[in-house]
Amino acid sequence: MSELITQPDKLRADAAECALIRDLATDRDKRELFARLAEHLSTLAAEVERAADLSER
């Protein structure tokens, strides 16, 4: 169960790193790629949190 608690934090940290790379990228395609990755990782973090909440019930 503790893995489900730490995973959203890791995913959010990875999303933040992707957002930073997006902001620093000079290539349009890379900016778009890292923007999509950041959004996807944030969504995954929310889903893992939701799953952990459901499993605690």
N, C-alpha and C. Protein backbone atom coordinates (compact mmCIF):
# COMPACT_ATOMS: atom_id res chain seq x y z
N MET A 1 0.82 -1.19 0.00
CA MET A 1 0.00 0.00 0.00
C MET A 1 0.86 1.26 0.00
N SER A 2 2.00 1.23 0.67
CA SER A 2 2.84 2.42 0.72
C SER A 2 3.35 2.80 -0.66
N GLU A 3 3.45 1.82 -1.56
CA GLU A 3 3.87 2.13 -2.92
C GLU A 3 2.87 3.04 -3.61
N LEU A 4 1.58 2.81 -3.35
CA LEU A 4 0.56 3.66 -3.96
C LEU A 4 0.62 5.08 -3.41
N ILE A 5 1.13 5.25 -2.23
CA ILE A 5 1.23 6.58 -1.64
C ILE A 5 2.41 7.34 -2.23
N THR A 6 3.53 6.66 -2.47
CA THR A 6 4.71 7.34 -2.98
C THR A 6 4.67 7.52 -4.49
N GLN A 7 3.95 6.68 -5.21
CA GLN A 7 3.92 6.78 -6.66
C GLN A 7 3.38 8.12 -7.17
N PRO A 8 2.28 8.65 -6.63
CA PRO A 8 1.82 9.95 -7.15
C PRO A 8 2.87 11.05 -6.98
N ASP A 9 3.61 11.01 -5.88
CA ASP A 9 4.66 12.01 -5.67
C ASP A 9 5.74 11.89 -6.74
N LYS A 10 6.14 10.67 -7.04
CA LYS A 10 7.16 10.43 -8.06
C LYS A 10 6.64 10.87 -9.43
N LEU A 11 5.40 10.54 -9.74
CA LEU A 11 4.83 10.93 -11.02
C LEU A 11 4.73 12.45 -11.14
N ARG A 12 4.35 13.11 -10.06
CA ARG A 12 4.27 14.58 -10.09
C ARG A 12 5.65 15.22 -10.24
N ALA A 13 6.64 14.63 -9.61
CA ALA A 13 8.02 15.14 -9.77
C ALA A 13 8.48 14.97 -11.21
N ASP A 14 8.17 13.82 -11.81
CA ASP A 14 8.53 13.59 -13.21
C ASP A 14 7.78 14.57 -14.12
N ALA A 15 6.52 14.83 -13.81
CA ALA A 15 5.74 15.80 -14.59
C ALA A 15 6.36 17.19 -14.51
N ALA A 16 6.81 17.56 -13.32
CA ALA A 16 7.44 18.87 -13.14
C ALA A 16 8.74 18.96 -13.95
N GLU A 17 9.50 17.88 -13.98
CA GLU A 17 10.73 17.87 -14.78
C GLU A 17 10.42 18.00 -16.26
N CYS A 18 9.38 17.30 -16.71
CA CYS A 18 8.97 17.41 -18.12
C CYS A 18 8.53 18.84 -18.44
N ALA A 19 7.82 19.46 -17.52
CA ALA A 19 7.37 20.84 -17.73
C ALA A 19 8.58 21.78 -17.80
N LEU A 20 9.57 21.54 -16.99
CA LEU A 20 10.78 22.36 -17.04
C LEU A 20 11.50 22.19 -18.37
N ILE A 21 11.63 20.95 -18.81
CA ILE A 21 12.27 20.71 -20.12
C ILE A 21 11.46 21.37 -21.22
N ARG A 22 10.13 21.27 -21.13
CA ARG A 22 9.25 21.93 -22.12
C ARG A 22 9.54 23.42 -22.18
N ASP A 23 9.67 24.03 -21.01
CA ASP A 23 9.90 25.47 -20.96
C ASP A 23 11.27 25.87 -21.50
N LEU A 24 12.23 24.97 -21.40
CA LEU A 24 13.59 25.27 -21.85
C LEU A 24 13.85 24.88 -23.30
N ALA A 25 12.99 24.03 -23.85
CA ALA A 25 13.21 23.52 -25.21
C ALA A 25 13.04 24.63 -26.24
N THR A 26 13.91 24.60 -27.22
CA THR A 26 13.82 25.59 -28.30
C THR A 26 13.13 25.00 -29.53
N ASP A 27 13.09 23.70 -29.62
CA ASP A 27 12.44 23.02 -30.73
C ASP A 27 10.95 22.85 -30.45
N ARG A 28 10.10 23.27 -31.38
CA ARG A 28 8.66 23.22 -31.19
C ARG A 28 8.16 21.80 -30.94
N ASP A 29 8.67 20.84 -31.70
CA ASP A 29 8.24 19.45 -31.53
C ASP A 29 8.59 18.93 -30.14
N LYS A 30 9.76 19.27 -29.65
CA LYS A 30 10.16 18.83 -28.31
C LYS A 30 9.31 19.51 -27.24
N ARG A 31 9.01 20.79 -27.43
CA ARG A 31 8.12 21.47 -26.47
C ARG A 31 6.77 20.77 -26.39
N GLU A 32 6.22 20.43 -27.55
CA GLU A 32 4.93 19.76 -27.59
C GLU A 32 5.01 18.38 -26.94
N LEU A 33 6.08 17.65 -27.22
CA LEU A 33 6.26 16.31 -26.65
C LEU A 33 6.32 16.38 -25.12
N PHE A 34 7.14 17.28 -24.61
CA PHE A 34 7.28 17.35 -23.15
C PHE A 34 6.05 17.94 -22.48
N ALA A 35 5.30 18.76 -23.20
CA ALA A 35 4.03 19.25 -22.66
C ALA A 35 3.05 18.08 -22.53
N ARG A 36 3.00 17.22 -23.55
CA ARG A 36 2.12 16.05 -23.48
C ARG A 36 2.56 15.10 -22.39
N LEU A 37 3.86 14.89 -22.26
CA LEU A 37 4.37 14.01 -21.20
C LEU A 37 4.02 14.55 -19.81
N ALA A 38 4.20 15.84 -19.61
CA ALA A 38 3.88 16.45 -18.32
C ALA A 38 2.40 16.28 -18.00
N GLU A 39 1.55 16.52 -18.98
CA GLU A 39 0.11 16.38 -18.77
C GLU A 39 -0.26 14.92 -18.48
N HIS A 40 0.33 14.01 -19.23
CA HIS A 40 0.04 12.58 -19.04
C HIS A 40 0.48 12.10 -17.65
N LEU A 41 1.67 12.49 -17.23
CA LEU A 41 2.16 12.09 -15.92
C LEU A 41 1.31 12.67 -14.79
N SER A 42 0.86 13.89 -14.96
CA SER A 42 -0.03 14.50 -13.95
C SER A 42 -1.35 13.74 -13.87
N THR A 43 -1.87 13.34 -15.02
CA THR A 43 -3.11 12.56 -15.05
C THR A 43 -2.91 11.20 -14.38
N LEU A 44 -1.79 10.56 -14.67
CA LEU A 44 -1.49 9.28 -14.04
C LEU A 44 -1.40 9.41 -12.52
N ALA A 45 -0.77 10.49 -12.05
CA ALA A 45 -0.66 10.70 -10.61
C ALA A 45 -2.04 10.82 -9.98
N ALA A 46 -2.92 11.56 -10.63
CA ALA A 46 -4.27 11.72 -10.10
C ALA A 46 -5.01 10.38 -10.08
N GLU A 47 -4.83 9.58 -11.12
CA GLU A 47 -5.49 8.28 -11.19
C GLU A 47 -4.96 7.32 -10.13
N VAL A 48 -3.67 7.34 -9.89
CA VAL A 48 -3.09 6.47 -8.86
C VAL A 48 -3.60 6.89 -7.49
N GLU A 49 -3.68 8.20 -7.25
CA GLU A 49 -4.23 8.68 -5.98
C GLU A 49 -5.67 8.24 -5.80
N ARG A 50 -6.45 8.36 -6.87
CA ARG A 50 -7.85 7.95 -6.81
C ARG A 50 -7.97 6.46 -6.54
N ALA A 51 -7.12 5.66 -7.18
CA ALA A 51 -7.13 4.21 -6.96
C ALA A 51 -6.75 3.88 -5.51
N ALA A 52 -5.77 4.61 -4.97
CA ALA A 52 -5.36 4.38 -3.58
C ALA A 52 -6.48 4.73 -2.62
N ASP A 53 -7.19 5.82 -2.90
CA ASP A 53 -8.32 6.21 -2.06
C ASP A 53 -9.41 5.16 -2.10
N LEU A 54 -9.68 4.62 -3.27
CA LEU A 54 -10.71 3.60 -3.41
C LEU A 54 -10.33 2.30 -2.70
N SER A 55 -9.04 1.98 -2.73
CA SER A 55 -8.60 0.72 -2.11
C SER A 55 -8.61 0.81 -0.58
N GLU A 56 -8.58 2.04 -0.05
CA GLU A 56 -8.62 2.22 1.41
C GLU A 56 -10.02 2.06 1.98
N ARG A 57 -11.01 2.10 1.12
CA ARG A 57 -12.40 2.02 1.59
C ARG A 57 -12.82 0.62 1.88
